[in-house]
C-alpha cells in the first residue's frame, strides 16, 4: 500500500497521517464538485452497506456491504472474454446475465471486458487515500464554503472508518458533513458525530409500524438518536423524502414538522425531497426488481404545498438539496 504523504508539521498530525493508511473502509463512489449535499462545493464519499431497505432507494448498489457487479447489457459487444475467465461458471457461453448465486465477485470479468459492460461497486480504501482525493479540491472549498460530505448507504455501518476520515478532514481544516438515516447504535453514532460540523438527517416516516414497512426497520433508534444528536451538533438539515401514497399524508408531515420544532435551534433547515425513479435502472443492473415501478413523482404544486406546511411551523424549508 502506498505510504501516506507526510505533512510539513510534526507531532500529532504526523501520527494521524501515519495511521490513516491502516484504517480501511468500503467506498462505492467518490463524487467531486457536488452542490446539493451541504453548503458550497463539496466532495461526496459514498460508503457501502446499509441496514435499511427503503422502497425508493436510488442507490441500491450501496445496500450490501460487500462489493457487487453491475451489468450494462447495452455496452456488451459479445466478445466472450468474461465467459472465458469466469472460474465459478457464473457466466455461461452465449448468455449475458451473471448467475449471482454462483458468482464469487472475483472481478475478473470486469477486468477483461474491453467495453466496460460490467463494473464493480465497492472498493476498499484507506483513510489516507480518501483524504488525498478530498484535499484535491481544497481551494474550491475555501472559496465556496464547502467541504466533504460522507454519505451512503449508511455511513454509521462503518463507524470506525468514517470517524477517522472525518477526524482527519477536520484536522486539515476541511468542513465536514454527514448524511445519515440515524439508524445506528448510539455509541457508534456518537463516535462519528464528534467530528461532524453539519448533520444531514433523514426522517422518512414518524409512525414506527409504517416506517418498518417502508424501510425494513423500526424508527425507534432513529428518533432517539436525532434527539441526542441535537445536543451535540450545531447544525442539522432535516431531509424528508416525499413519496406519493407512502409518506406524503398530512398526518405524517405534521408529525415530522412538530418533531423538527421540538429539536430547537439545531435544525437550521428542512429539505423536502421529491421522489424520483432515476435510479430504477440500477436495480436491473444488479439483477433485482425495482419495487416502486408504478409510483409517479409528486407534482410541483404538491411539493409547494409540502413546503408551505413546514413553513407554517416556523421552519426554514427548501425543496430539494
Protein backbone atom coordinates (compact mmCIF):
# COMPACT_ATOMS: atom_id res chain seq x y z
CA UNK A 1 0.00 0.00 0.00
CA UNK A 2 1.26 3.46 -0.86
CA UNK A 3 2.64 5.39 2.09
CA UNK A 4 0.71 8.44 3.25
CA UNK A 5 2.23 11.77 2.25
CA UNK A 6 3.93 13.46 5.17
CA UNK A 7 2.79 16.96 6.12
CA UNK A 8 5.29 19.64 6.91
CA UNK A 9 4.13 19.78 10.54
CA UNK A 10 5.20 17.21 13.11
CA UNK A 11 3.73 15.62 16.20
CA UNK A 12 0.02 14.79 16.25
CA UNK A 13 -0.52 15.48 12.54
CA UNK A 14 2.23 13.03 11.62
CA UNK A 15 0.58 10.44 13.83
CA UNK A 16 -2.79 10.94 12.18
CA UNK A 17 -1.40 10.57 8.68
CA UNK A 18 0.65 7.52 9.65
CA UNK A 19 -2.47 5.78 10.94
CA UNK A 20 -4.66 6.86 8.04
CA UNK A 21 -3.39 4.11 5.74
CA UNK A 22 -4.07 1.42 8.36
CA UNK A 23 -7.80 2.15 8.75
CA UNK A 24 -9.82 0.98 5.72
CA UNK A 25 -13.43 1.02 4.59
CA UNK A 26 -15.51 0.04 1.55
CA UNK A 27 -16.48 3.01 -0.64
CA UNK A 28 -18.61 2.72 -3.77
CA UNK A 29 -18.13 6.21 -5.18
CA UNK A 30 -16.29 9.50 -4.65
CA UNK A 31 -18.07 12.37 -6.36
CA UNK A 32 -16.42 15.76 -6.70
CA UNK A 33 -17.93 19.22 -7.28
CA UNK A 34 -21.33 18.47 -5.72
CA UNK A 35 -23.62 21.41 -4.90
CA UNK A 36 -26.54 19.64 -3.23
CA UNK A 37 -25.34 17.89 -0.06
CA UNK A 38 -24.32 20.71 2.21
CA UNK A 39 -23.09 24.27 1.66
CA UNK A 40 -20.66 25.23 -1.07
CA UNK A 41 -18.76 22.93 -3.41
CA UNK A 42 -18.37 19.51 -1.83
CA UNK A 43 -16.77 16.13 -2.34
CA UNK A 44 -19.16 13.26 -1.58
CA UNK A 45 -17.80 9.99 -0.23
CA UNK A 46 -20.34 7.18 -0.54
CA UNK A 47 -19.91 4.35 1.95
CA UNK A 48 -21.16 0.86 1.15
CA UNK A 49 -23.57 -1.03 3.40
CA UNK A 50 -26.96 -0.06 4.83
CA UNK A 51 -29.30 -1.78 7.31
CA UNK A 52 -32.35 -0.13 5.70
CA UNK A 53 -34.13 -1.29 2.55
CA UNK A 54 -36.11 1.81 1.61
CA UNK A 55 -38.53 1.00 -1.20
CA UNK A 56 -37.46 4.15 -3.09
CA UNK A 57 -33.69 3.79 -2.62
CA UNK A 58 -31.94 5.29 -5.65
CA UNK A 59 -28.55 3.79 -4.76
CA UNK A 60 -29.30 0.06 -4.44
CA UNK A 61 -25.61 -0.67 -5.03
CA UNK A 62 -25.00 0.89 -1.62
CA UNK A 63 -27.14 -1.54 0.36
CA UNK A 64 -24.98 -4.63 0.68
CA UNK A 65 -21.66 -4.26 2.46
CA UNK A 66 -19.75 -6.43 0.02
CA UNK A 67 -18.67 -5.35 -3.49
CA UNK A 68 -21.19 -6.12 -6.24
CA UNK A 69 -21.08 -6.29 -10.02
CA UNK A 70 -23.33 -4.05 -12.09
CA UNK A 71 -24.19 -5.17 -15.62
CA UNK A 72 -24.56 -2.79 -18.59
CA UNK A 73 -26.01 -5.01 -21.28
CA UNK A 74 -26.23 -2.17 -23.80
CA UNK A 75 -22.42 -1.93 -23.80
CA UNK A 76 -21.76 -5.63 -24.43
CA UNK A 77 -20.02 -6.42 -27.76
CA UNK A 78 -20.35 -10.18 -27.39
CA UNK A 79 -16.63 -10.94 -27.29
CA UNK A 80 -16.99 -13.77 -24.75
CA UNK A 81 -13.92 -12.76 -22.71
CA UNK A 82 -15.95 -12.74 -19.49
CA UNK A 83 -17.10 -16.32 -20.06
CA UNK A 84 -13.54 -17.47 -20.61
CA UNK A 85 -12.23 -16.09 -17.30
CA UNK A 86 -15.21 -16.98 -15.05
CA UNK A 87 -13.88 -19.88 -12.97
CA UNK A 88 -17.11 -20.15 -10.94
CA UNK A 89 -19.15 -20.61 -14.13
CA UNK A 90 -21.48 -17.81 -13.11
CA UNK A 91 -21.38 -16.61 -16.74
CA UNK A 92 -22.40 -19.16 -19.33
CA UNK A 93 -21.47 -19.09 -23.01
CA UNK A 94 -23.86 -17.05 -25.18
CA UNK A 95 -25.71 -15.80 -22.11
CA UNK A 96 -25.49 -12.29 -20.75
CA UNK A 97 -26.68 -12.36 -17.16
CA UNK A 98 -24.46 -13.35 -14.25
CA UNK A 99 -25.80 -16.15 -12.08
CA UNK A 100 -25.40 -14.26 -8.80
CA UNK A 101 -25.84 -17.40 -6.70
CA UNK A 102 -22.65 -18.76 -8.27
CA UNK A 103 -20.68 -15.51 -8.61
CA UNK A 104 -17.81 -15.15 -6.14
CA UNK A 105 -17.29 -11.47 -7.09
CA UNK A 106 -13.66 -12.04 -8.03
CA UNK A 107 -13.89 -9.22 -10.59
CA UNK A 108 -12.04 -10.98 -13.39
CA UNK A 109 -14.96 -10.46 -15.80
CA UNK A 110 -14.79 -6.73 -15.07
CA UNK A 111 -11.05 -6.58 -15.65
CA UNK A 112 -11.12 -8.29 -19.06
CA UNK A 113 -14.17 -6.55 -20.54
CA UNK A 114 -13.00 -4.17 -23.31
CA UNK A 115 -16.40 -2.40 -23.41
CA UNK A 116 -16.84 -1.86 -19.65
CA UNK A 117 -20.08 -3.81 -19.78
CA UNK A 118 -19.57 -4.76 -16.13
CA UNK A 119 -18.40 -2.63 -13.23
CA UNK A 120 -17.70 -3.32 -9.57
CA UNK A 121 -19.49 -1.19 -6.99
CA UNK A 122 -17.36 -1.15 -3.88
CA UNK A 123 -13.64 -0.81 -3.32
CA UNK A 124 -11.62 -0.88 -0.12
CA UNK A 125 -9.84 2.39 0.60
CA UNK A 126 -7.51 3.54 3.35
CA UNK A 127 -8.49 6.75 5.13
CA UNK A 128 -5.36 8.38 3.75
CA UNK A 129 -6.31 7.52 0.17
CA UNK A 130 -9.75 9.12 0.51
CA UNK A 131 -8.28 12.12 2.30
CA UNK A 132 -5.91 12.75 -0.58
CA UNK A 133 -8.86 12.73 -3.01
CA UNK A 134 -10.80 15.14 -0.79
CA UNK A 135 -7.84 17.52 -0.48
CA UNK A 136 -7.58 17.93 -4.26
CA UNK A 137 -10.43 20.46 -4.11
CA UNK A 138 -9.34 22.38 -1.03
CA UNK A 139 -9.26 25.68 -2.96
CA UNK A 140 -12.87 25.15 -4.10
CA UNK A 141 -13.94 24.53 -0.50
CA UNK A 142 -12.22 27.66 0.72
CA UNK A 143 -13.74 29.86 -1.99
CA UNK A 144 -17.28 28.44 -1.74
CA UNK A 145 -17.54 27.49 1.93
CA UNK A 146 -17.75 23.82 1.01
CA UNK A 147 -16.08 20.66 2.25
CA UNK A 148 -16.60 16.91 2.43
CA UNK A 149 -19.90 15.06 2.89
CA UNK A 150 -19.87 11.38 3.83
CA UNK A 151 -22.97 9.57 2.61
CA UNK A 152 -24.03 6.04 1.74
CA UNK A 153 -25.52 3.56 2.19
CA UNK A 154 -25.40 4.23 5.86
CA UNK A 155 -22.04 5.70 6.93
CA UNK A 156 -22.56 4.58 10.54
CA UNK A 157 -22.33 0.97 9.37
CA UNK A 158 -18.58 1.68 9.01
CA UNK A 159 -18.28 3.92 12.05
CA UNK A 160 -14.57 3.34 12.67
CA UNK A 161 -13.52 4.31 9.16
CA UNK A 162 -15.93 7.25 8.90
CA UNK A 163 -14.97 8.73 12.26
CA UNK A 164 -11.28 8.53 11.35
CA UNK A 165 -11.90 10.09 7.93
CA UNK A 166 -13.92 12.98 9.35
CA UNK A 167 -11.36 13.45 12.13
CA UNK A 168 -8.58 13.72 9.56
CA UNK A 169 -10.61 16.13 7.39
CA UNK A 170 -11.41 18.37 10.32
CA UNK A 171 -7.76 18.38 11.39
CA UNK A 172 -6.88 19.56 7.88
CA UNK A 173 -9.37 22.42 8.26
CA UNK A 174 -12.00 20.91 5.92
CA UNK A 175 -15.69 21.39 6.76
CA UNK A 176 -17.36 18.03 7.45
CA UNK A 177 -20.93 16.86 6.87
CA UNK A 178 -22.60 13.51 7.45
CA UNK A 179 -25.67 12.30 5.54
CA UNK A 180 -27.37 9.56 7.54
CA UNK A 181 -30.57 7.70 8.37
CA UNK A 182 -29.53 7.78 12.03
CA UNK A 183 -30.04 4.03 12.32
CA UNK A 184 -27.06 3.02 14.45
CA UNK A 185 -26.08 2.10 17.98
CA UNK A 186 -25.66 5.38 19.86
CA UNK A 187 -22.06 4.76 20.92
CA UNK A 188 -21.06 4.20 17.27
CA UNK A 189 -23.09 7.20 16.09
CA UNK A 190 -21.71 9.47 18.80
CA UNK A 191 -18.21 8.43 17.81
CA UNK A 192 -18.82 9.87 14.34
CA UNK A 193 -20.69 12.98 15.45
CA UNK A 194 -17.64 14.13 17.40
CA UNK A 195 -16.12 15.18 14.05
CA UNK A 196 -19.27 16.43 12.24
CA UNK A 197 -19.86 20.13 11.52
CA UNK A 198 -23.18 19.63 9.73
CA UNK A 199 -25.64 16.74 10.05
CA UNK A 200 -27.96 15.86 7.15
CA UNK A 201 -30.52 13.63 8.84
CA UNK A 202 -33.21 11.67 7.00
CA UNK A 203 -36.69 11.45 8.54
CA UNK A 204 -38.72 9.12 6.35
CA UNK A 205 -41.80 8.43 8.45
CA UNK A 206 -42.78 9.15 12.07
CA UNK A 207 -45.10 6.18 12.60
CA UNK A 208 -42.90 3.22 13.58
CA UNK A 209 -45.07 0.48 12.08
CA UNK A 210 -45.32 2.22 8.73
CA UNK A 211 -41.59 3.03 8.85
CA UNK A 212 -40.88 -0.69 9.20
CA UNK A 213 -42.98 -1.47 6.13
CA UNK A 214 -41.28 1.22 4.06
CA UNK A 215 -37.68 0.64 5.13
CA UNK A 216 -37.48 -2.77 6.79
CA UNK A 217 -36.56 -1.37 10.23
CA UNK A 218 -38.25 0.39 13.14
CA UNK A 219 -37.60 4.10 13.57
CA UNK A 220 -37.27 3.98 17.37
CA UNK A 221 -33.48 4.18 17.27
CA UNK A 222 -33.62 6.87 14.57
CA UNK A 223 -35.89 9.12 16.63
CA UNK A 224 -33.86 8.59 19.79
CA UNK A 225 -30.61 9.40 18.01
CA UNK A 226 -31.81 12.63 16.40
CA UNK A 227 -32.83 13.98 19.81
CA UNK A 228 -29.40 13.16 21.25
CA UNK A 229 -27.61 14.48 18.17
CA UNK A 230 -29.36 17.84 18.50
CA UNK A 231 -27.36 18.41 21.70
CA UNK A 232 -24.03 17.60 20.01
CA UNK A 233 -24.16 19.09 16.51
CA UNK A 234 -24.66 22.81 15.99
CA UNK A 235 -26.24 22.49 12.55
CA UNK A 236 -28.80 19.95 11.32
CA UNK A 237 -30.55 19.75 7.97
CA UNK A 238 -33.61 17.51 8.25
CA UNK A 239 -34.22 15.70 4.97
CA UNK A 240 -37.77 14.49 4.31
CA UNK A 241 -38.37 12.38 1.19
CA UNK A 242 -41.85 12.84 -0.27
CA UNK A 243 -43.10 9.52 -1.67
CA UNK A 244 -46.64 9.76 -3.10
CA UNK A 245 -49.05 7.37 -1.42
CA UNK A 246 -46.49 6.19 1.12
CA UNK A 247 -45.49 9.05 3.44
CA UNK A 248 -46.90 12.25 1.94
CA UNK A 249 -50.11 12.33 4.01
CA UNK A 250 -50.80 15.35 6.17
CA UNK A 251 -50.68 13.36 9.42
CA UNK A 252 -47.10 12.20 8.83
CA UNK A 253 -45.91 15.59 7.56
CA UNK A 254 -47.36 17.45 10.53
CA UNK A 255 -45.84 14.95 12.97
CA UNK A 256 -42.47 15.43 11.26
CA UNK A 257 -42.79 19.22 11.49
CA UNK A 258 -43.67 19.02 15.20
CA UNK A 259 -40.57 16.92 15.86
CA UNK A 260 -38.42 19.40 13.96
CA UNK A 261 -39.74 22.22 16.14
CA UNK A 262 -39.04 20.22 19.30
CA UNK A 263 -35.39 19.85 18.27
CA UNK A 264 -34.97 23.62 18.58
CA UNK A 265 -32.36 25.85 17.00
CA UNK A 266 -30.13 22.95 15.99
CA UNK A 267 -32.41 22.42 12.98
CA UNK A 268 -31.16 25.00 10.51
CA UNK A 269 -33.28 23.88 7.55
CA UNK A 270 -35.77 21.27 6.42
CA UNK A 271 -35.23 19.87 2.95
CA UNK A 272 -38.26 18.23 1.35
CA UNK A 273 -37.07 15.89 -1.39
CA UNK A 274 -39.33 14.89 -4.26
CA UNK A 275 -39.37 11.18 -5.10
CA UNK A 276 -37.98 10.24 -8.50
CA UNK A 277 -37.25 6.93 -10.20
CA UNK A 278 -33.92 7.91 -11.80
CA UNK A 279 -32.16 5.06 -10.02
CA UNK A 280 -34.60 2.39 -11.19
CA UNK A 281 -32.31 1.09 -13.94
CA UNK A 282 -29.65 0.27 -11.33
CA UNK A 283 -31.85 -2.48 -9.94
CA UNK A 284 -31.83 -4.30 -13.26
CA UNK A 285 -28.04 -3.94 -13.44
CA UNK A 286 -27.86 -5.71 -10.08
CA UNK A 287 -30.31 -8.45 -11.10
CA UNK A 288 -33.11 -7.07 -8.91
CA UNK A 289 -36.61 -5.69 -9.47
CA UNK A 290 -37.46 -2.07 -8.68
CA UNK A 291 -40.27 -2.09 -6.07
CA UNK A 292 -41.91 1.26 -6.97
CA UNK A 293 -42.18 0.97 -10.74
CA UNK A 294 -45.80 2.25 -10.67
CA UNK A 295 -45.12 5.29 -8.45
CA UNK A 296 -45.09 8.76 -10.01
CA UNK A 297 -43.10 11.74 -8.80
CA UNK A 298 -45.02 14.40 -6.84
CA UNK A 299 -46.07 17.44 -8.85
CA UNK A 300 -44.50 20.86 -8.37
CA UNK A 301 -47.76 22.00 -6.78
CA UNK A 302 -47.65 19.09 -4.34
CA UNK A 303 -44.12 19.98 -3.31
CA UNK A 304 -45.00 23.64 -2.83
CA UNK A 305 -47.88 22.57 -0.56
CA UNK A 306 -45.48 20.43 1.48
CA UNK A 307 -43.05 23.34 1.75
CA UNK A 308 -45.81 25.66 2.96
CA UNK A 309 -46.91 23.13 5.57
CA UNK A 310 -43.43 23.01 7.12
CA UNK A 311 -43.08 26.78 6.92
CA UNK A 312 -46.36 27.16 8.82
CA UNK A 313 -44.49 25.61 11.78
CA UNK A 314 -41.84 28.32 11.57
CA UNK A 315 -39.29 26.06 9.85
CA UNK A 316 -36.99 27.32 7.14
CA UNK A 317 -37.78 24.92 4.28
CA UNK A 318 -36.31 24.21 0.85
CA UNK A 319 -37.41 21.91 -1.93
CA UNK A 320 -34.61 19.59 -2.97
CA UNK A 321 -30.98 19.84 -1.94
